[in-house]
Structure formats: structure tokens, C-alpha cells
C-alpha atoms as a PDB file:
ATOM      1  CA  MET A   1      21.336   6.739  -0.470  1.00  0.00           C
ATOM      2  CA  LYS A   2      21.025   2.969  -0.787  1.00  0.00           C
ATOM      3  CA  ALA A   3      23.755   2.490   1.816  1.00  0.00           C
ATOM      4  CA  ILE A   4      21.767   4.559   4.320  1.00  0.00           C
ATOM      5  CA  ALA A   5      18.605   2.628   3.415  1.00  0.00           C
ATOM      6  CA  HIS A   6      20.431  -0.647   4.109  1.00  0.00           C
ATOM      7  CA  VAL A   7      21.584   0.617   7.520  1.00  0.00           C
ATOM      8  CA  ILE A   8      18.072   1.727   8.482  1.00  0.00           C
ATOM      9  CA  SER A   9      16.595  -1.576   7.306  1.00  0.00           C
ATOM     10  CA  THR A  10      19.145  -3.486   9.371  1.00  0.00           C
ATOM     11  CA  ILE A  11      18.713  -1.469  12.564  1.00  0.00           C
ATOM     12  CA  PHE A  12      14.927  -1.700  12.377  1.00  0.00           C
ATOM     13  CA  GLN A  13      14.519  -5.218  11.064  1.00  0.00           C
ATOM     14  CA  PRO A  14      11.402  -7.078  12.274  1.00  0.00           C
ATOM     15  CA  LEU A  15      13.247  -9.505  14.561  1.00  0.00           C
ATOM     16  CA  LEU A  16      14.477  -6.600  16.696  1.00  0.00           C
ATOM     17  CA  MET A  17      11.092  -4.960  17.237  1.00  0.00           C
ATOM     18  CA  PRO A  18      10.101  -6.945  20.373  1.00  0.00           C
ATOM     19  CA  ILE A  19      13.425  -5.983  21.960  1.00  0.00           C
ATOM     20  CA  TYR A  20      12.818  -2.305  21.235  1.00  0.00           C
ATOM     21  CA  GLY A  21       9.254  -2.698  22.494  1.00  0.00           C
ATOM     22  CA  VAL A  22      10.337  -4.128  25.850  1.00  0.00           C
ATOM     23  CA  MET A  23      12.944  -1.382  26.255  1.00  0.00           C
ATOM     24  CA  LEU A  24      10.324   1.285  25.514  1.00  0.00           C
ATOM     25  CA  ILE A  25       7.970  -0.209  28.094  1.00  0.00           C
ATOM     26  CA  PHE A  26      10.635   0.249  30.750  1.00  0.00           C
ATOM     27  CA  VAL A  27      11.011   3.892  29.737  1.00  0.00           C
ATOM     28  CA  TYR A  28       7.391   5.102  29.624  1.00  0.00           C
ATOM     29  CA  THR A  29       5.427   2.737  31.905  1.00  0.00           C
ATOM     30  CA  TYR A  30       5.480   1.726  35.556  1.00  0.00           C
ATOM     31  CA  PHE A  31       7.746  -1.173  34.555  1.00  0.00           C
ATOM     32  CA  GLY A  32      10.649   1.178  35.141  1.00  0.00           C
ATOM     33  CA  MET A  33       9.820   1.292  38.838  1.00  0.00           C
ATOM     34  CA  ILE A  34       8.327  -2.120  39.572  1.00  0.00           C
ATOM     35  CA  TYR A  35      10.331  -4.450  37.340  1.00  0.00           C
ATOM     36  CA  LEU A  36      13.702  -2.683  37.194  1.00  0.00           C
ATOM     37  CA  PRO A  37      15.412  -5.393  39.320  1.00  0.00           C
ATOM     38  CA  GLN A  38      14.175  -7.919  36.730  1.00  0.00           C
ATOM     39  CA  PHE A  39      15.238  -5.844  33.727  1.00  0.00           C
ATOM     40  CA  TRP A  40      17.587  -8.434  32.225  1.00  0.00           C
ATOM     41  CA  GLN A  41      15.300 -11.314  33.164  1.00  0.00           C
ATOM     42  CA  ILE A  42      12.619  -9.642  31.026  1.00  0.00           C
ATOM     43  CA  LEU A  43      14.771  -8.237  28.207  1.00  0.00           C
ATOM     44  CA  LEU A  44      17.011 -11.235  27.517  1.00  0.00           C
ATOM     45  CA  PRO A  45      14.164 -13.660  26.651  1.00  0.00           C
ATOM     46  CA  ALA A  46      12.923 -11.110  24.096  1.00  0.00           C
ATOM     47  CA  ALA A  47      16.404 -10.987  22.590  1.00  0.00           C
ATOM     48  CA  LEU A  48      16.661 -14.780  22.617  1.00  0.00           C
ATOM     49  CA  PHE A  49      13.229 -15.779  21.313  1.00  0.00           C
ATOM     50  CA  SER A  50      12.525 -12.867  18.977  1.00  0.00           C
ATOM     51  CA  PHE A  51      15.995 -12.426  17.500  1.00  0.00           C
ATOM     52  CA  ALA A  52      18.758 -14.914  18.330  1.00  0.00           C
ATOM     53  CA  ILE A  53      16.873 -18.191  17.779  1.00  0.00           C
ATOM     54  CA  PRO A  54      14.964 -17.136  14.630  1.00  0.00           C
ATOM     55  CA  ALA A  55      18.068 -15.499  13.149  1.00  0.00           C
ATOM     56  CA  MET A  56      20.173 -18.622  13.752  1.00  0.00           C
ATOM     57  CA  LEU A  57      17.573 -20.969  12.272  1.00  0.00           C
ATOM     58  CA  ILE A  58      16.939 -18.712   9.271  1.00  0.00           C
ATOM     59  CA  TYR A  59      20.690 -18.645   8.652  1.00  0.00           C
ATOM     60  CA  MET A  60      20.657 -22.458   8.753  1.00  0.00           C
ATOM     61  CA  LEU A  61      17.923 -22.429   6.093  1.00  0.00           C
ATOM     62  CA  TYR A  62      20.157 -20.194   4.009  1.00  0.00           C
ATOM     63  CA  ARG A  63      23.146 -22.526   4.429  1.00  0.00           C
ATOM     64  CA  MET A  64      20.921 -25.462   3.465  1.00  0.00           C
ATOM     65  CA  LYS A  65      19.885 -23.465   0.356  1.00  0.00           C
ATOM     66  CA  MET A  66      16.231 -23.559   1.371  1.00  0.00           C
ATOM     67  CA  ILE A  67      16.227 -19.782   0.988  1.00  0.00           C
ATOM     68  CA  SER A  68      18.362 -17.899  -1.497  1.00  0.00           C
ATOM     69  CA  ASP A  69      18.753 -14.628   0.393  1.00  0.00           C
ATOM     70  CA  LEU A  70      18.790 -13.689   4.081  1.00  0.00           C
ATOM     71  CA  SER A  71      16.670 -10.621   3.365  1.00  0.00           C
ATOM     72  CA  LEU A  72      13.909 -12.936   2.060  1.00  0.00           C
ATOM     73  CA  LYS A  73      13.327 -10.982  -1.131  1.00  0.00           C
ATOM     74  CA  ILE A  74      11.487 -13.884  -2.772  1.00  0.00           C
ATOM     75  CA  ARG A  75       7.915 -14.179  -1.472  1.00  0.00           C
ATOM     76  CA  ARG A  76       7.618 -17.969  -1.676  1.00  0.00           C
ATOM     77  CA  GLU A  77      10.760 -18.377   0.457  1.00  0.00           C
ATOM     78  CA  ARG A  78       9.241 -16.503   3.396  1.00  0.00           C
ATOM     79  CA  PHE A  79       6.965 -19.263   4.648  1.00  0.00           C
ATOM     80  CA  TYR A  80       9.461 -21.285   6.713  1.00  0.00           C
ATOM     81  CA  PRO A  81      11.272 -18.249   8.207  1.00  0.00           C
ATOM     82  CA  TYR A  82       7.898 -16.826   9.239  1.00  0.00           C
ATOM     83  CA  LEU A  83       6.880 -20.173  10.720  1.00  0.00           C
ATOM     84  CA  ILE A  84      10.127 -20.394  12.697  1.00  0.00           C
ATOM     85  CA  THR A  85       9.560 -16.900  14.054  1.00  0.00           C
ATOM     86  CA  LEU A  86       5.971 -17.757  14.946  1.00  0.00           C
ATOM     87  CA  ILE A  87       7.002 -20.799  16.996  1.00  0.00           C
ATOM     88  CA  SER A  88       9.801 -18.903  18.740  1.00  0.00           C
ATOM     89  CA  TYR A  89       7.477 -16.008  19.614  1.00  0.00           C
ATOM     90  CA  SER A  90       4.979 -18.492  21.055  1.00  0.00           C
ATOM     91  CA  ALA A  91       7.690 -19.882  23.330  1.00  0.00           C
ATOM     92  CA  MET A  92       8.471 -16.316  24.426  1.00  0.00           C
ATOM     93  CA  ILE A  93       4.835 -15.730  25.404  1.00  0.00           C
ATOM     94  CA  LEU A  94       4.809 -18.942  27.456  1.00  0.00           C
ATOM     95  CA  TYR A  95       7.943 -17.791  29.284  1.00  0.00           C
ATOM     96  CA  TYR A  96       6.446 -14.412  30.149  1.00  0.00           C
ATOM     97  CA  HIS A  97       3.171 -16.021  31.189  1.00  0.00           C
ATOM     98  CA  ARG A  98       5.025 -18.211  33.659  1.00  0.00           C
ATOM     99  CA  MET A  99       6.767 -15.098  34.969  1.00  0.00           C
ATOM    100  CA  GLY A 100       3.375 -13.632  35.797  1.00  0.00           C
ATOM    101  CA  MET A 101       3.598 -10.638  33.482  1.00  0.00           C
ATOM    102  CA  PRO A 102       0.496  -8.384  33.217  1.00  0.00           C
ATOM    103  CA  THR A 103      -2.156  -9.386  30.679  1.00  0.00           C
ATOM    104  CA  TRP A 104      -1.597  -6.311  28.532  1.00  0.00           C
ATOM    105  CA  PHE A 105       2.117  -7.158  28.335  1.00  0.00           C
ATOM    106  CA  LEU A 106       1.324 -10.700  27.230  1.00  0.00           C
ATOM    107  CA  MET A 107      -1.103  -9.319  24.648  1.00  0.00           C
ATOM    108  CA  ILE A 108       1.680  -7.254  23.073  1.00  0.00           C
ATOM    109  CA  MET A 109       3.560 -10.486  22.474  1.00  0.00           C
ATOM    110  CA  ALA A 110       0.401 -12.314  21.392  1.00  0.00           C
ATOM    111  CA  ALA A 111      -0.188  -9.573  18.828  1.00  0.00           C
ATOM    112  CA  SER A 112       3.192 -10.400  17.283  1.00  0.00           C
ATOM    113  CA  VAL A 113       2.111 -14.033  16.893  1.00  0.00           C
ATOM    114  CA  VAL A 114      -1.205 -13.073  15.284  1.00  0.00           C
ATOM    115  CA  ILE A 115       0.575 -10.654  12.950  1.00  0.00           C
ATOM    116  CA  MET A 116       2.911 -13.455  11.898  1.00  0.00           C
ATOM    117  CA  VAL A 117      -0.018 -15.824  11.250  1.00  0.00           C
ATOM    118  CA  ILE A 118      -1.752 -13.219   9.090  1.00  0.00           C
ATOM    119  CA  ALA A 119       1.526 -12.467   7.309  1.00  0.00           C
ATOM    120  CA  ILE A 120       2.023 -16.181   6.551  1.00  0.00           C
ATOM    121  CA  LEU A 121      -1.446 -16.356   5.006  1.00  0.00           C
ATOM    122  CA  ILE A 122      -0.879 -13.173   2.999  1.00  0.00           C
ATOM    123  CA  THR A 123       2.500 -14.439   1.819  1.00  0.00           C
ATOM    124  CA  LEU A 124       0.800 -17.371   0.101  1.00  0.00           C
ATOM    125  CA  THR A 125      -0.565 -14.978  -2.526  1.00  0.00           C
ATOM    126  CA  TRP A 126       1.060 -11.582  -2.009  1.00  0.00           C
ATOM    127  CA  LYS A 127       4.194  -9.941  -0.634  1.00  0.00           C
ATOM    128  CA  ILE A 128       3.780  -7.699   2.406  1.00  0.00           C
ATOM    129  CA  SER A 129       6.469  -5.663   4.141  1.00  0.00           C
ATOM    130  CA  ALA A 130       7.719  -7.454   7.247  1.00  0.00           C
ATOM    131  CA  HIS A 131       9.737  -4.377   8.230  1.00  0.00           C
ATOM    132  CA  MET A 132       6.591  -2.283   8.233  1.00  0.00           C
ATOM    133  CA  PHE A 133       4.386  -4.683  10.162  1.00  0.00           C
ATOM    134  CA  GLY A 134       7.220  -4.842  12.675  1.00  0.00           C
ATOM    135  CA  VAL A 135       7.469  -1.076  13.191  1.00  0.00           C
ATOM    136  CA  GLY A 136       3.689  -0.714  12.882  1.00  0.00           C
ATOM    137  CA  GLY A 137       3.254  -3.243  15.672  1.00  0.00           C
ATOM    138  CA  LEU A 138       5.771  -1.361  17.805  1.00  0.00           C
ATOM    139  CA  ILE A 139       3.881   1.923  17.387  1.00  0.00           C
ATOM    140  CA  GLY A 140       0.434   0.372  17.828  1.00  0.00           C
ATOM    141  CA  GLY A 141       1.485  -1.347  21.024  1.00  0.00           C
ATOM    142  CA  ALA A 142       3.189   1.781  22.394  1.00  0.00           C
ATOM    143  CA  MET A 143       0.135   3.947  21.702  1.00  0.00           C
ATOM    144  CA  ALA A 144      -2.293   1.458  23.258  1.00  0.00           C
ATOM    145  CA  VAL A 145      -0.164   1.074  26.379  1.00  0.00           C
ATOM    146  CA  SER A 146       0.102   4.847  26.721  1.00  0.00           C
ATOM    147  CA  TYR A 147      -3.627   5.465  26.316  1.00  0.00           C
ATOM    148  CA  PHE A 148      -5.141   2.465  28.103  1.00  0.00           C
ATOM    149  CA  VAL A 149      -2.512   1.509  30.693  1.00  0.00           C
ATOM    150  CA  GLU A 150      -0.621   4.689  31.546  1.00  0.00           C
ATOM    151  CA  ARG A 151      -3.402   7.145  30.613  1.00  0.00           C
ATOM    152  CA  SER A 152      -0.762   9.409  29.108  1.00  0.00           C
ATOM    153  CA  ASN A 153       0.116  10.991  25.788  1.00  0.00           C
ATOM    154  CA  PRO A 154       3.905  10.973  25.245  1.00  0.00           C
ATOM    155  CA  TYR A 155       3.581  12.761  21.922  1.00  0.00           C
ATOM    156  CA  TYR A 156       7.306  13.361  21.538  1.00  0.00           C
ATOM    157  CA  MET A 157       7.863   9.618  21.659  1.00  0.00           C
ATOM    158  CA  PHE A 158       5.084   9.097  19.108  1.00  0.00           C
ATOM    159  CA  MET A 159       6.625  11.713  16.820  1.00  0.00           C
ATOM    160  CA  GLY A 160       9.952   9.918  16.990  1.00  0.00           C
ATOM    161  CA  LEU A 161       8.365   6.529  16.313  1.00  0.00           C
ATOM    162  CA  PHE A 162       6.427   7.801  13.297  1.00  0.00           C
ATOM    163  CA  ILE A 163       9.594   9.402  11.913  1.00  0.00           C
ATOM    164  CA  ILE A 164      11.316   6.023  12.278  1.00  0.00           C
ATOM    165  CA  ALA A 165       8.386   4.343  10.502  1.00  0.00           C
ATOM    166  CA  GLY A 166       8.682   6.843   7.670  1.00  0.00           C
ATOM    167  CA  LEU A 167      12.413   6.219   7.363  1.00  0.00           C
ATOM    168  CA  VAL A 168      11.927   2.451   7.339  1.00  0.00           C
ATOM    169  CA  GLY A 169       9.168   2.607   4.746  1.00  0.00           C
ATOM    170  CA  THR A 170      11.172   4.952   2.542  1.00  0.00           C
ATOM    171  CA  SER A 171      14.199   2.676   2.839  1.00  0.00           C
ATOM    172  CA  ARG A 172      12.205  -0.333   1.661  1.00  0.00           C
ATOM    173  CA  LEU A 173      11.021   1.659  -1.355  1.00  0.00           C
ATOM    174  CA  ILE A 174      14.525   2.957  -2.151  1.00  0.00           C
ATOM    175  CA  LEU A 175      15.872  -0.604  -2.025  1.00  0.00           C
ATOM    176  CA  ARG A 176      12.945  -1.682  -4.230  1.00  0.00           C
ATOM    177  CA  ARG A 177      12.061  -4.497  -1.875  1.00  0.00           C
ATOM    178  CA  HIS A 178       8.401  -3.478  -1.748  1.00  0.00           C
ATOM    179  CA  THR A 179       5.810  -1.360  -3.467  1.00  0.00           C
ATOM    180  CA  LEU A 180       4.066   1.532  -1.714  1.00  0.00           C
ATOM    181  CA  HIS A 181       0.951  -0.616  -1.226  1.00  0.00           C
ATOM    182  CA  GLN A 182       2.972  -3.382   0.415  1.00  0.00           C
ATOM    183  CA  VAL A 183       4.621  -0.869   2.747  1.00  0.00           C
ATOM    184  CA  ILE A 184       1.332   0.726   3.774  1.00  0.00           C
ATOM    185  CA  ALA A 185      -0.399  -2.638   4.172  1.00  0.00           C
ATOM    186  CA  GLY A 186       2.413  -3.902   6.394  1.00  0.00           C
ATOM    187  CA  PHE A 187       2.257  -0.862   8.655  1.00  0.00           C
ATOM    188  CA  LEU A 188      -1.532  -0.972   8.987  1.00  0.00           C
ATOM    189  CA  LEU A 189      -1.494  -4.705   9.760  1.00  0.00           C
ATOM    190  CA  GLY A 190       1.049  -4.321  12.554  1.00  0.00           C
ATOM    191  CA  PHE A 191      -0.467  -1.159  13.991  1.00  0.00           C
ATOM    192  CA  MET A 192      -4.098  -2.278  14.084  1.00  0.00           C
ATOM    193  CA  VAL A 193      -3.462  -5.768  15.479  1.00  0.00           C
ATOM    194  CA  SER A 194      -1.116  -4.535  18.227  1.00  0.00           C
ATOM    195  CA  PHE A 195      -3.346  -1.626  19.223  1.00  0.00           C
ATOM    196  CA  LEU A 196      -6.427  -3.844  19.372  1.00  0.00           C
ATOM    197  CA  PHE A 197      -4.728  -6.638  21.329  1.00  0.00           C
ATOM    198  CA  VAL A 198      -3.304  -4.327  23.994  1.00  0.00           C
ATOM    199  CA  TRP A 199      -6.678  -2.607  24.370  1.00  0.00           C
ATOM    200  CA  VAL A 200      -8.351  -6.005  24.845  1.00  0.00           C
ATOM    201  CA  GLY A 201      -5.626  -6.931  27.329  1.00  0.00           C
ATOM    202  CA  THR A 202      -6.571  -3.968  29.531  1.00  0.00           C
ATOM    203  CA  VAL A 203     -10.257  -4.890  29.781  1.00  0.00           C
ATOM    204  CA  ILE A 204     -10.118  -8.659  30.348  1.00  0.00           C
END
């Protein structure tokens, strides 16, 4: 059971969520028609700034013994990895802004930055599930885009995403990395911030 939980936690780790989010946007929004020729030009920066750069720098922190574990089990060791991710995400937003991406798309990325800022502040006194604010942000953003941009209700996609969220949350509990309250708090943080930001992005 723990082996399966480890696999799920790895596949749906927070650094991969923006990549999955961009891929989903191409599937269920007009991006699939308008921006298909720019697919790699849009996807690769997400992979670079949200995963490759933070992962490399966090590994360097591990090699320098500034963190004791790559899974960041110890709360006080999360500050610098979160800060690195925050800066890298900010660079990603600047890139997409210069590409002329729609405001609601930029707000999805901005939501990730705000979530990271809130998570950094929370981490000073409490441990919150990064996996769950990652998947919560993915679902919140997907729902807001569907309702406010596409005016659609792809409920099968939502069912699949909520099943994934349940699997991720259960995995974190099985691995004893978080309590139930930390899992729920992480999901609600990611979901509410992403949903709100995308909604704002459609009206400004």
C-alpha cells in the first residue's frame, strides 16, 4: 500500500501541477484550436519554470545539506524550497505575459504564486500539504475556466480530478506525511485561490 502511495505522490507532486494544468487547458478550452501551433512554446516554459528549475535548485539544497530530505518532511526546511519555487513561478508568469497570453491564463499562474506566498507564511507556524494545495489549485483553476471562460460543465473531467485529489490526499495520510486537517487545509487553499483568481481574470 505504501509503495502505491509513493507512486501517486510522485506522479502528482506539486511541481508538476502547472504542467498538467496547461495540458488540460489545451484539451477542454479553445486553446486546442487557437494555440495548437504554439503547443510546445507554451508547455515547455511550464515544465522549465515550474518543475526543472525548482527541482534542480532544491536538489542542490539537499546536496548542500540545507534540507535533510527531498520530500521536505520537516516543516522548517520548507521555507527556501518554497521561496525558490515562488521566484521561478514569477519568471514563468513574466514569460507568458510577454507572449500575450489571455488574462485568465495569466491569473492561473498568478494564483500559484499567491498560494506559494500563503504557504510560506503558514509554514512558519504550521505544516500544510503542498501536494493538496497543488491538486486543489489544479481543480479550482479547471472549474473556473470551464464555468467562466468556456461556459461548460465537463463533469466527467471533474469527477476524474476529484478522484485524483482523493487518491493524493489518502496517499499523504498513508505515508503519514500529513494529518487530515493539513490535507484538507491544503486542498481548500489551492482550490479557493485558483478559482477566485481565474474568475477575477475573466472580468478585468
